[in-house]
PDB file of N, CA and C in Angstrom:
ATOM      1  N   UNK A   1       8.242  10.228  73.303  1.00  0.00           N
ATOM      2  CA  UNK A   1       9.180  10.229  72.196  1.00  0.00           C
ATOM      3  C   UNK A   1      10.587  10.031  72.765  1.00  0.00           C
ATOM      4  N   UNK A   2      11.351   9.161  72.179  1.00  0.00           N
ATOM      5  CA  UNK A   2      12.667   8.807  72.686  1.00  0.00           C
ATOM      6  C   UNK A   2      13.776   9.493  71.883  1.00  0.00           C
ATOM      7  N   UNK A   3      14.412  10.493  72.500  1.00  0.00           N
ATOM      8  CA  UNK A   3      15.536  11.151  71.829  1.00  0.00           C
ATOM      9  C   UNK A   3      16.704  10.190  71.661  1.00  0.00           C
ATOM     10  N   UNK A   4      16.835   9.218  72.583  1.00  0.00           N
ATOM     11  CA  UNK A   4      17.904   8.222  72.458  1.00  0.00           C
ATOM     12  C   UNK A   4      17.729   7.403  71.181  1.00  0.00           C
ATOM     13  N   UNK A   5      16.494   6.998  70.898  1.00  0.00           N
ATOM     14  CA  UNK A   5      16.250   6.212  69.678  1.00  0.00           C
ATOM     15  C   UNK A   5      16.481   7.050  68.426  1.00  0.00           C
ATOM     16  N   UNK A   6      16.111   8.325  68.491  1.00  0.00           N
ATOM     17  CA  UNK A   6      16.368   9.213  67.349  1.00  0.00           C
ATOM     18  C   UNK A   6      17.868   9.381  67.132  1.00  0.00           C
ATOM     19  N   UNK A   7      18.607   9.581  68.219  1.00  0.00           N
ATOM     20  CA  UNK A   7      20.060   9.736  68.131  1.00  0.00           C
ATOM     21  C   UNK A   7      20.707   8.465  67.581  1.00  0.00           C
ATOM     22  N   UNK A   8      20.244   7.320  68.039  1.00  0.00           N
ATOM     23  CA  UNK A   8      20.788   6.034  67.572  1.00  0.00           C
ATOM     24  C   UNK A   8      20.492   5.846  66.081  1.00  0.00           C
ATOM     25  N   UNK A   9      19.297   6.215  65.653  1.00  0.00           N
ATOM     26  CA  UNK A   9      18.937   6.103  64.239  1.00  0.00           C
ATOM     27  C   UNK A   9      19.824   7.003  63.384  1.00  0.00           C
ATOM     28  N   UNK A  10      20.121   8.202  63.882  1.00  0.00           N
ATOM     29  CA  UNK A  10      21.011   9.114  63.163  1.00  0.00           C
ATOM     30  C   UNK A  10      22.403   8.504  63.018  1.00  0.00           C
ATOM     31  N   UNK A  11      22.885   7.852  64.070  1.00  0.00           N
ATOM     32  CA  UNK A  11      24.236   7.278  64.041  1.00  0.00           C
ATOM     33  C   UNK A  11      24.327   6.006  63.216  1.00  0.00           C
ATOM     34  N   UNK A  12      23.333   5.119  63.333  1.00  0.00           N
ATOM     35  CA  UNK A  12      23.465   3.785  62.740  1.00  0.00           C
ATOM     36  C   UNK A  12      22.496   3.482  61.609  1.00  0.00           C
ATOM     37  N   UNK A  13      21.499   4.325  61.414  1.00  0.00           N
ATOM     38  CA  UNK A  13      20.521   4.067  60.353  1.00  0.00           C
ATOM     39  C   UNK A  13      21.132   4.243  58.975  1.00  0.00           C
ATOM     40  N   UNK A  14      20.567   3.569  57.990  1.00  0.00           N
ATOM     41  CA  UNK A  14      21.087   3.710  56.622  1.00  0.00           C
ATOM     42  C   UNK A  14      20.717   5.069  56.041  1.00  0.00           C
ATOM     43  N   UNK A  15      21.550   5.600  55.149  1.00  0.00           N
ATOM     44  CA  UNK A  15      21.219   6.841  54.455  1.00  0.00           C
ATOM     45  C   UNK A  15      19.875   6.674  53.754  1.00  0.00           C
ATOM     46  N   UNK A  16      19.037   7.660  53.858  1.00  0.00           N
ATOM     47  CA  UNK A  16      17.678   7.671  53.332  1.00  0.00           C
ATOM     48  C   UNK A  16      16.801   6.617  53.990  1.00  0.00           C
ATOM     49  N   UNK A  17      17.250   6.068  55.126  1.00  0.00           N
ATOM     50  CA  UNK A  17      16.451   5.094  55.860  1.00  0.00           C
ATOM     51  C   UNK A  17      15.213   5.745  56.445  1.00  0.00           C
ATOM     52  N   UNK A  18      14.138   4.986  56.521  1.00  0.00           N
ATOM     53  CA  UNK A  18      12.856   5.491  57.017  1.00  0.00           C
ATOM     54  C   UNK A  18      12.427   4.643  58.208  1.00  0.00           C
ATOM     55  N   UNK A  19      12.075   5.305  59.321  1.00  0.00           N
ATOM     56  CA  UNK A  19      11.594   4.619  60.517  1.00  0.00           C
ATOM     57  C   UNK A  19      10.139   5.012  60.753  1.00  0.00           C
ATOM     58  N   UNK A  20       9.274   4.002  60.958  1.00  0.00           N
ATOM     59  CA  UNK A  20       7.880   4.276  61.267  1.00  0.00           C
ATOM     60  C   UNK A  20       7.763   4.880  62.657  1.00  0.00           C
ATOM     61  N   UNK A  21       6.694   5.650  62.873  1.00  0.00           N
ATOM     62  CA  UNK A  21       6.359   6.163  64.195  1.00  0.00           C
ATOM     63  C   UNK A  21       4.987   5.610  64.575  1.00  0.00           C
ATOM     64  N   UNK A  22       4.542   5.937  65.764  1.00  0.00           N
ATOM     65  CA  UNK A  22       3.232   5.460  66.211  1.00  0.00           C
ATOM     66  C   UNK A  22       2.089   6.233  65.568  1.00  0.00           C
ATOM     67  N   UNK A  23       2.390   7.268  64.807  1.00  0.00           N
ATOM     68  CA  UNK A  23       1.370   8.045  64.100  1.00  0.00           C
ATOM     69  C   UNK A  23       1.420   7.659  62.620  1.00  0.00           C
ATOM     70  N   UNK A  24       0.326   7.109  62.121  1.00  0.00           N
ATOM     71  CA  UNK A  24       0.271   6.681  60.720  1.00  0.00           C
ATOM     72  C   UNK A  24       0.540   7.868  59.801  1.00  0.00           C
ATOM     73  N   UNK A  25       1.505   7.715  58.909  1.00  0.00           N
ATOM     74  CA  UNK A  25       1.837   8.765  57.951  1.00  0.00           C
ATOM     75  C   UNK A  25       2.986   9.666  58.363  1.00  0.00           C
ATOM     76  N   UNK A  26       3.464   9.542  59.613  1.00  0.00           N
ATOM     77  CA  UNK A  26       4.645  10.298  60.071  1.00  0.00           C
ATOM     78  C   UNK A  26       5.817   9.327  60.189  1.00  0.00           C
ATOM     79  N   UNK A  27       6.909   9.670  59.536  1.00  0.00           N
ATOM     80  CA  UNK A  27       8.100   8.825  59.537  1.00  0.00           C
ATOM     81  C   UNK A  27       9.316   9.665  59.911  1.00  0.00           C
ATOM     82  N   UNK A  28      10.345   9.001  60.412  1.00  0.00           N
ATOM     83  CA  UNK A  28      11.642   9.619  60.649  1.00  0.00           C
ATOM     84  C   UNK A  28      12.527   9.217  59.470  1.00  0.00           C
ATOM     85  N   UNK A  29      13.181  10.184  58.867  1.00  0.00           N
ATOM     86  CA  UNK A  29      13.989   9.961  57.675  1.00  0.00           C
ATOM     87  C   UNK A  29      15.424  10.390  57.954  1.00  0.00           C
ATOM     88  N   UNK A  30      16.387   9.511  57.635  1.00  0.00           N
ATOM     89  CA  UNK A  30      17.796   9.878  57.808  1.00  0.00           C
ATOM     90  C   UNK A  30      18.327  10.454  56.500  1.00  0.00           C
ATOM     91  N   UNK A  31      18.723  11.714  56.574  1.00  0.00           N
ATOM     92  CA  UNK A  31      19.306  12.383  55.416  1.00  0.00           C
ATOM     93  C   UNK A  31      20.822  12.182  55.449  1.00  0.00           C
ATOM     94  N   UNK A  32      21.428  11.785  54.354  1.00  0.00           N
ATOM     95  CA  UNK A  32      22.873  11.533  54.358  1.00  0.00           C
ATOM     96  C   UNK A  32      23.685  12.824  54.432  1.00  0.00           C
ATOM     97  N   UNK A  33      24.928  12.679  54.841  1.00  0.00           N
ATOM     98  CA  UNK A  33      25.850  13.820  54.819  1.00  0.00           C
ATOM     99  C   UNK A  33      26.034  14.257  53.373  1.00  0.00           C
ATOM    100  N   UNK A  34      26.186  15.570  53.182  1.00  0.00           N
ATOM    101  CA  UNK A  34      26.366  16.098  51.829  1.00  0.00           C
ATOM    102  C   UNK A  34      27.300  17.289  51.891  1.00  0.00           C
ATOM    103  N   UNK A  35      28.428  17.184  51.220  1.00  0.00           N
ATOM    104  CA  UNK A  35      29.467  18.214  51.214  1.00  0.00           C
ATOM    105  C   UNK A  35      29.830  18.603  52.637  1.00  0.00           C
ATOM    106  N   UNK A  36      29.525  19.830  53.062  1.00  0.00           N
ATOM    107  CA  UNK A  36      29.891  20.280  54.411  1.00  0.00           C
ATOM    108  C   UNK A  36      28.776  20.094  55.430  1.00  0.00           C
ATOM    109  N   UNK A  37      27.662  19.489  55.034  1.00  0.00           N
ATOM    110  CA  UNK A  37      26.532  19.280  55.926  1.00  0.00           C
ATOM    111  C   UNK A  37      26.576  17.866  56.482  1.00  0.00           C
ATOM    112  N   UNK A  38      26.534  17.708  57.812  1.00  0.00           N
ATOM    113  CA  UNK A  38      26.552  16.361  58.382  1.00  0.00           C
ATOM    114  C   UNK A  38      25.215  15.659  58.166  1.00  0.00           C
ATOM    115  N   UNK A  39      25.193  14.349  58.383  1.00  0.00           N
ATOM    116  CA  UNK A  39      23.952  13.585  58.308  1.00  0.00           C
ATOM    117  C   UNK A  39      22.965  14.169  59.317  1.00  0.00           C
ATOM    118  N   UNK A  40      21.683  14.170  58.963  1.00  0.00           N
ATOM    119  CA  UNK A  40      20.640  14.728  59.826  1.00  0.00           C
ATOM    120  C   UNK A  40      19.419  13.822  59.766  1.00  0.00           C
ATOM    121  N   UNK A  41      18.505  14.020  60.694  1.00  0.00           N
ATOM    122  CA  UNK A  41      17.223  13.358  60.584  1.00  0.00           C
ATOM    123  C   UNK A  41      16.153  14.416  60.357  1.00  0.00           C
ATOM    124  N   UNK A  42      15.077  14.000  59.710  1.00  0.00           N
ATOM    125  CA  UNK A  42      13.962  14.881  59.404  1.00  0.00           C
ATOM    126  C   UNK A  42      12.674  14.093  59.600  1.00  0.00           C
ATOM    127  N   UNK A  43      11.570  14.784  59.528  1.00  0.00           N
ATOM    128  CA  UNK A  43      10.258  14.147  59.586  1.00  0.00           C
ATOM    129  C   UNK A  43       9.719  14.086  58.166  1.00  0.00           C
ATOM    130  N   UNK A  44       9.180  12.942  57.807  1.00  0.00           N
ATOM    131  CA  UNK A  44       8.559  12.777  56.494  1.00  0.00           C
ATOM    132  C   UNK A  44       7.066  12.536  56.691  1.00  0.00           C
ATOM    133  N   UNK A  45       6.251  13.305  55.977  1.00  0.00           N
ATOM    134  CA  UNK A  45       4.807  13.095  55.949  1.00  0.00           C
ATOM    135  C   UNK A  45       4.505  12.326  54.672  1.00  0.00           C
ATOM    136  N   UNK A  46       3.912  11.143  54.826  1.00  0.00           N
ATOM    137  CA  UNK A  46       3.673  10.296  53.667  1.00  0.00           C
ATOM    138  C   UNK A  46       2.423   9.464  53.953  1.00  0.00           C
ATOM    139  N   UNK A  47       1.374   9.596  53.147  1.00  0.00           N
ATOM    140  CA  UNK A  47       0.165   8.800  53.375  1.00  0.00           C
ATOM    141  C   UNK A  47       0.495   7.311  53.420  1.00  0.00           C
ATOM    142  N   UNK A  48      -0.289   6.555  54.192  1.00  0.00           N
ATOM    143  CA  UNK A  48      -0.044   5.122  54.339  1.00  0.00           C
ATOM    144  C   UNK A  48      -1.218   4.315  53.806  1.00  0.00           C
ATOM    145  N   UNK A  49      -0.928   3.050  53.486  1.00  0.00           N
ATOM    146  CA  UNK A  49      -1.978   2.137  53.046  1.00  0.00           C
ATOM    147  C   UNK A  49      -2.535   1.379  54.249  1.00  0.00           C
ATOM    148  N   UNK A  50      -3.336   0.371  54.006  1.00  0.00           N
ATOM    149  CA  UNK A  50      -3.975  -0.387  55.081  1.00  0.00           C
ATOM    150  C   UNK A  50      -2.986  -1.101  55.994  1.00  0.00           C
ATOM    151  N   UNK A  51      -1.801  -1.438  55.473  1.00  0.00           N
ATOM    152  CA  UNK A  51      -0.798  -2.124  56.292  1.00  0.00           C
ATOM    153  C   UNK A  51       0.123  -1.154  57.028  1.00  0.00           C
ATOM    154  N   UNK A  52      -0.070   0.162  56.843  1.00  0.00           N
ATOM    155  CA  UNK A  52       0.761   1.170  57.502  1.00  0.00           C
ATOM    156  C   UNK A  52       2.017   1.528  56.738  1.00  0.00           C
ATOM    157  N   UNK A  53       2.145   1.032  55.522  1.00  0.00           N
ATOM    158  CA  UNK A  53       3.315   1.330  54.692  1.00  0.00           C
ATOM    159  C   UNK A  53       3.073   2.594  53.871  1.00  0.00           C
ATOM    160  N   UNK A  54       4.150   3.375  53.613  1.00  0.00           N
ATOM    161  CA  UNK A  54       3.988   4.602  52.832  1.00  0.00           C
ATOM    162  C   UNK A  54       3.467   4.311  51.430  1.00  0.00           C
ATOM    163  N   UNK A  55       2.616   5.193  50.924  1.00  0.00           N
ATOM    164  CA  UNK A  55       2.062   5.004  49.588  1.00  0.00           C
ATOM    165  C   UNK A  55       2.875   5.723  48.521  1.00  0.00           C
ATOM    166  N   UNK A  56       3.750   6.626  48.921  1.00  0.00           N
ATOM    167  CA  UNK A  56       4.587   7.364  47.979  1.00  0.00           C
ATOM    168  C   UNK A  56       6.038   6.972  48.178  1.00  0.00           C
ATOM    169  N   UNK A  57       6.812   7.052  47.112  1.00  0.00           N
ATOM    170  CA  UNK A  57       8.238   6.759  47.237  1.00  0.00           C
ATOM    171  C   UNK A  57       8.895   7.744  48.194  1.00  0.00           C
ATOM    172  N   UNK A  58       8.539   9.013  48.104  1.00  0.00           N
ATOM    173  CA  UNK A  58       9.062  10.037  49.009  1.00  0.00           C
ATOM    174  C   UNK A  58       7.927  10.988  49.330  1.00  0.00           C
ATOM    175  N   UNK A  59       7.732  11.272  50.587  1.00  0.00           N
ATOM    176  CA  UNK A  59       6.684  12.186  51.018  1.00  0.00           C
ATOM    177  C   UNK A  59       7.230  13.593  51.194  1.00  0.00           C
ATOM    178  N   UNK A  60       6.518  14.376  51.951  1.00  0.00           N
ATOM    179  CA  UNK A  60       6.920  15.747  52.252  1.00  0.00           C
ATOM    180  C   UNK A  60       7.947  15.699  53.380  1.00  0.00           C
ATOM    181  N   UNK A  61       9.150  16.179  53.135  1.00  0.00           N
ATOM    182  CA  UNK A  61      10.235  16.145  54.115  1.00  0.00           C
ATOM    183  C   UNK A  61      10.299  17.486  54.830  1.00  0.00           C
ATOM    184  N   UNK A  62      10.189  17.438  56.159  1.00  0.00           N
ATOM    185  CA  UNK A  62      10.242  18.637  56.984  1.00  0.00           C
ATOM    186  C   UNK A  62      11.501  18.546  57.837  1.00  0.00           C
ATOM    187  N   UNK A  63      12.425  19.479  57.631  1.00  0.00           N
ATOM    188  CA  UNK A  63      13.731  19.429  58.284  1.00  0.00           C
ATOM    189  C   UNK A  63      13.797  20.217  59.583  1.00  0.00           C
ATOM    190  N   UNK A  64      12.838  21.125  59.818  1.00  0.00           N
ATOM    191  CA  UNK A  64      12.895  21.964  61.016  1.00  0.00           C
ATOM    192  C   UNK A  64      11.514  22.514  61.346  1.00  0.00           C
ATOM    193  N   UNK A  65      11.393  23.124  62.509  1.00  0.00           N
ATOM    194  CA  UNK A  65      10.123  23.746  62.881  1.00  0.00           C
ATOM    195  C   UNK A  65       9.834  24.943  61.981  1.00  0.00           C
ATOM    196  N   UNK A  66      10.863  25.600  61.477  1.00  0.00           N
ATOM    197  CA  UNK A  66      10.668  26.704  60.540  1.00  0.00           C
ATOM    198  C   UNK A  66      10.077  26.191  59.224  1.00  0.00           C
ATOM    199  N   UNK A  67      10.568  25.050  58.742  1.00  0.00           N
ATOM    200  CA  UNK A  67       9.981  24.437  57.549  1.00  0.00           C
ATOM    201  C   UNK A  67       8.499  24.171  57.765  1.00  0.00           C
ATOM    202  N   UNK A  68       8.160  23.631  58.931  1.00  0.00           N
ATOM    203  CA  UNK A  68       6.766  23.329  59.235  1.00  0.00           C
ATOM    204  C   UNK A  68       5.910  24.591  59.170  1.00  0.00           C
ATOM    205  N   UNK A  69       6.375  25.685  59.758  1.00  0.00           N
ATOM    206  CA  UNK A  69       5.625  26.942  59.748  1.00  0.00           C
ATOM    207  C   UNK A  69       5.399  27.426  58.313  1.00  0.00           C
ATOM    208  N   UNK A  70       6.402  27.290  57.461  1.00  0.00           N
ATOM    209  CA  UNK A  70       6.272  27.726  56.071  1.00  0.00           C
ATOM    210  C   UNK A  70       5.264  26.864  55.312  1.00  0.00           C
ATOM    211  N   UNK A  71       5.317  25.542  55.527  1.00  0.00           N
ATOM    212  CA  UNK A  71       4.355  24.652  54.874  1.00  0.00           C
ATOM    213  C   UNK A  71       2.938  24.921  55.364  1.00  0.00           C
ATOM    214  N   UNK A  72       2.767  25.135  56.668  1.00  0.00           N
ATOM    215  CA  UNK A  72       1.436  25.425  57.196  1.00  0.00           C
ATOM    216  C   UNK A  72       0.859  26.691  56.573  1.00  0.00           C
ATOM    217  N   UNK A  73       1.693  27.680  56.369  1.00  0.00           N
ATOM    218  CA  UNK A  73       1.256  28.912  55.724  1.00  0.00           C
ATOM    219  C   UNK A  73       0.778  28.637  54.300  1.00  0.00           C
ATOM    220  N   UNK A  74       1.521  27.836  53.565  1.00  0.00           N
ATOM    221  CA  UNK A  74       1.136  27.496  52.195  1.00  0.00           C
ATOM    222  C   UNK A  74      -0.154  26.675  52.159  1.00  0.00           C
ATOM    223  N   UNK A  75      -0.310  25.766  53.105  1.00  0.00           N
ATOM    224  CA  UNK A  75      -1.492  24.910  53.133  1.00  0.00           C
ATOM    225  C   UNK A  75      -2.763  25.688  53.467  1.00  0.00           C
ATOM    226  N   UNK A  76      -2.634  26.860  54.062  1.00  0.00           N
ATOM    227  CA  UNK A  76      -3.792  27.670  54.416  1.00  0.00           C
ATOM    228  C   UNK A  76      -4.247  28.576  53.270  1.00  0.00           C
ATOM    229  N   UNK A  77      -3.562  28.552  52.161  1.00  0.00           N
ATOM    230  CA  UNK A  77      -3.949  29.371  51.013  1.00  0.00           C
ATOM    231  C   UNK A  77      -5.343  28.961  50.564  1.00  0.00           C
ATOM    232  N   UNK A  78      -6.267  29.900  50.455  1.00  0.00           N
ATOM    233  CA  UNK A  78      -7.684  29.592  50.246  1.00  0.00           C
ATOM    234  C   UNK A  78      -8.011  28.979  48.886  1.00  0.00           C
ATOM    235  N   UNK A  79      -7.160  29.142  47.891  1.00  0.00           N
ATOM    236  CA  UNK A  79      -7.436  28.562  46.573  1.00  0.00           C
ATOM    237  C   UNK A  79      -6.774  27.197  46.359  1.00  0.00           C
ATOM    238  N   UNK A  80      -6.029  26.727  47.343  1.00  0.00           N
ATOM    239  CA  UNK A  80      -5.386  25.420  47.213  1.00  0.00           C
ATOM    240  C   UNK A  80      -6.400  24.288  47.018  1.00  0.00           C
ATOM    241  N   UNK A  81      -7.494  24.218  47.795  1.00  0.00           N
ATOM    242  CA  UNK A  81      -8.468  23.143  47.553  1.00  0.00           C
ATOM    243  C   UNK A  81      -9.040  23.161  46.136  1.00  0.00           C
ATOM    244  N   UNK A  82      -9.323  24.338  45.600  1.00  0.00           N
ATOM    245  CA  UNK A  82      -9.844  24.439  44.235  1.00  0.00           C
ATOM    246  C   UNK A  82      -8.834  23.915  43.215  1.00  0.00           C
ATOM    247  N   UNK A  83      -7.589  24.268  43.419  1.00  0.00           N
ATOM    248  CA  UNK A  83      -6.534  23.797  42.521  1.00  0.00           C
ATOM    249  C   UNK A  83      -6.439  22.278  42.563  1.00  0.00           C
ATOM    250  N   UNK A  84      -6.508  21.697  43.755  1.00  0.00           N
ATOM    251  CA  UNK A  84      -6.385  20.246  43.885  1.00  0.00           C
ATOM    252  C   UNK A  84      -7.596  19.507  43.310  1.00  0.00           C
ATOM    253  N   UNK A  85      -8.778  20.100  43.393  1.00  0.00           N
ATOM    254  CA  UNK A  85      -9.959  19.501  42.754  1.00  0.00           C
ATOM    255  C   UNK A  85      -9.742  19.445  41.241  1.00  0.00           C
ATOM    256  N   UNK A  86      -9.213  20.513  40.666  1.00  0.00           N
ATOM    257  CA  UNK A  86      -8.926  20.530  39.226  1.00  0.00           C
ATOM    258  C   UNK A  86      -7.877  19.479  38.869  1.00  0.00           C
ATOM    259  N   UNK A  87      -6.843  19.355  39.703  1.00  0.00           N
ATOM    260  CA  UNK A  87      -5.799  18.347  39.473  1.00  0.00           C
ATOM    261  C   UNK A  87      -6.398  16.946  39.541  1.00  0.00           C
ATOM    262  N   UNK A  88      -7.276  16.698  40.531  1.00  0.00           N
ATOM    263  CA  UNK A  88      -7.923  15.386  40.667  1.00  0.00           C
ATOM    264  C   UNK A  88      -8.741  15.021  39.422  1.00  0.00           C
ATOM    265  N   UNK A  89      -9.406  15.997  38.835  1.00  0.00           N
ATOM    266  CA  UNK A  89     -10.226  15.740  37.648  1.00  0.00           C
ATOM    267  C   UNK A  89      -9.379  15.364  36.442  1.00  0.00           C
ATOM    268  N   UNK A  90      -8.189  15.928  36.352  1.00  0.00           N
ATOM    269  CA  UNK A  90      -7.337  15.726  35.180  1.00  0.00           C
ATOM    270  C   UNK A  90      -6.471  14.464  35.294  1.00  0.00           C
ATOM    271  N   UNK A  91      -5.939  14.193  36.486  1.00  0.00           N
ATOM    272  CA  UNK A  91      -5.023  13.059  36.662  1.00  0.00           C
ATOM    273  C   UNK A  91      -5.749  11.719  36.689  1.00  0.00           C
ATOM    274  N   UNK A  92      -5.129  10.675  36.082  1.00  0.00           N
ATOM    275  CA  UNK A  92      -5.716   9.335  36.181  1.00  0.00           C
ATOM    276  C   UNK A  92      -5.453   8.769  37.582  1.00  0.00           C
ATOM    277  N   UNK A  93      -6.278   7.820  38.039  1.00  0.00           N
ATOM    278  CA  UNK A  93      -6.048   7.221  39.364  1.00  0.00           C
ATOM    279  C   UNK A  93      -4.765   6.386  39.376  1.00  0.00           C
ATOM    280  N   UNK A  94      -4.152   6.266  40.569  1.00  0.00           N
ATOM    281  CA  UNK A  94      -2.923   5.501  40.735  1.00  0.00           C
ATOM    282  C   UNK A  94      -3.171   4.242  41.554  1.00  0.00           C
ATOM    283  N   UNK A  95      -2.359   3.204  41.313  1.00  0.00           N
ATOM    284  CA  UNK A  95      -2.410   1.979  42.123  1.00  0.00           C
ATOM    285  C   UNK A  95      -1.673   2.226  43.426  1.00  0.00           C
ATOM    286  N   UNK A  96      -2.077   1.539  44.494  1.00  0.00           N
ATOM    287  CA  UNK A  96      -1.410   1.668  45.784  1.00  0.00           C
ATOM    288  C   UNK A  96      -0.723   0.347  46.120  1.00  0.00           C
ATOM    289  N   UNK A  97       0.510   0.464  46.668  1.00  0.00           N
ATOM    290  CA  UNK A  97       1.273  -0.707  47.092  1.00  0.00           C
ATOM    291  C   UNK A  97       1.777  -0.488  48.499  1.00  0.00           C
ATOM    292  N   UNK A  98       2.308  -1.537  49.151  1.00  0.00           N
ATOM    293  CA  UNK A  98       2.792  -1.365  50.515  1.00  0.00           C
ATOM    294  C   UNK A  98       3.816  -2.399  50.924  1.00  0.00           C
ATOM    295  N   UNK A  99       4.466  -2.145  52.090  1.00  0.00           N
ATOM    296  CA  UNK A  99       5.463  -3.045  52.667  1.00  0.00           C
ATOM    297  C   UNK A  99       5.150  -3.211  54.144  1.00  0.00           C
ATOM    298  N   UNK A 100       5.766  -4.219  54.772  1.00  0.00           N
ATOM    299  CA  UNK A 100       5.558  -4.388  56.215  1.00  0.00           C
ATOM    300  C   UNK A 100       6.836  -4.882  56.865  1.00  0.00           C
ATOM    301  N   UNK A 101       6.825  -4.986  58.223  1.00  0.00           N
ATOM    302  CA  UNK A 101       7.961  -5.517  58.960  1.00  0.00           C
ATOM    303  C   UNK A 101       8.995  -4.507  59.349  1.00  0.00           C
ATOM    304  N   UNK A 102       8.613  -3.212  59.482  1.00  0.00           N
ATOM    305  CA  UNK A 102       9.572  -2.171  59.844  1.00  0.00           C
ATOM    306  C   UNK A 102       9.461  -1.803  61.318  1.00  0.00           C
ATOM    307  N   UNK A 103      10.546  -1.274  61.873  1.00  0.00           N
ATOM    308  CA  UNK A 103      10.579  -0.820  63.261  1.00  0.00           C
ATOM    309  C   UNK A 103       9.732   0.446  63.418  1.00  0.00           C
ATOM    310  N   UNK A 104       9.079   0.597  64.567  1.00  0.00           N
ATOM    311  CA  UNK A 104       8.186   1.736  64.812  1.00  0.00           C
ATOM    312  C   UNK A 104       8.696   2.562  65.992  1.00  0.00           C
ATOM    313  N   UNK A 105       8.699   3.903  65.847  1.00  0.00           N
ATOM    314  CA  UNK A 105       9.066   4.832  66.925  1.00  0.00           C
ATOM    315  C   UNK A 105       7.794   5.351  67.569  1.00  0.00           C
ATOM    316  N   UNK A 106       7.621   5.185  68.873  1.00  0.00           N
ATOM    317  CA  UNK A 106       6.460   5.681  69.608  1.00  0.00           C
ATOM    318  C   UNK A 106       6.590   7.179  69.795  1.00  0.00           C
ATOM    319  N   UNK A 107       5.544   7.922  69.402  1.00  0.00           N
ATOM    320  CA  UNK A 107       5.545   9.387  69.542  1.00  0.00           C
ATOM    321  C   UNK A 107       4.614   9.774  70.669  1.00  0.00           C
TER     322      UNK A 107
END
């Protein structure tokens, strides 16, 4: 993993810009400056299609290792799979779309 490339993306990447990584579904996301908070980068988890493009407009944004620990705790809740099965039964299926030609960060 190249900290230089991450630093360069933070400095020159577009606000809300997304950079692919070598792991399908993991992206680097540039968060814009807001009020007293400087621009930052975060990790976005977003399922990908056959071409490696994100399937959602915005995935799960993880800003720190503490965020990750909190999400992992929530994902281990034993009734979450049951809830999602019920959601799957009720929701209609969605179409999938994709894009290509983006820069990739090796992890």
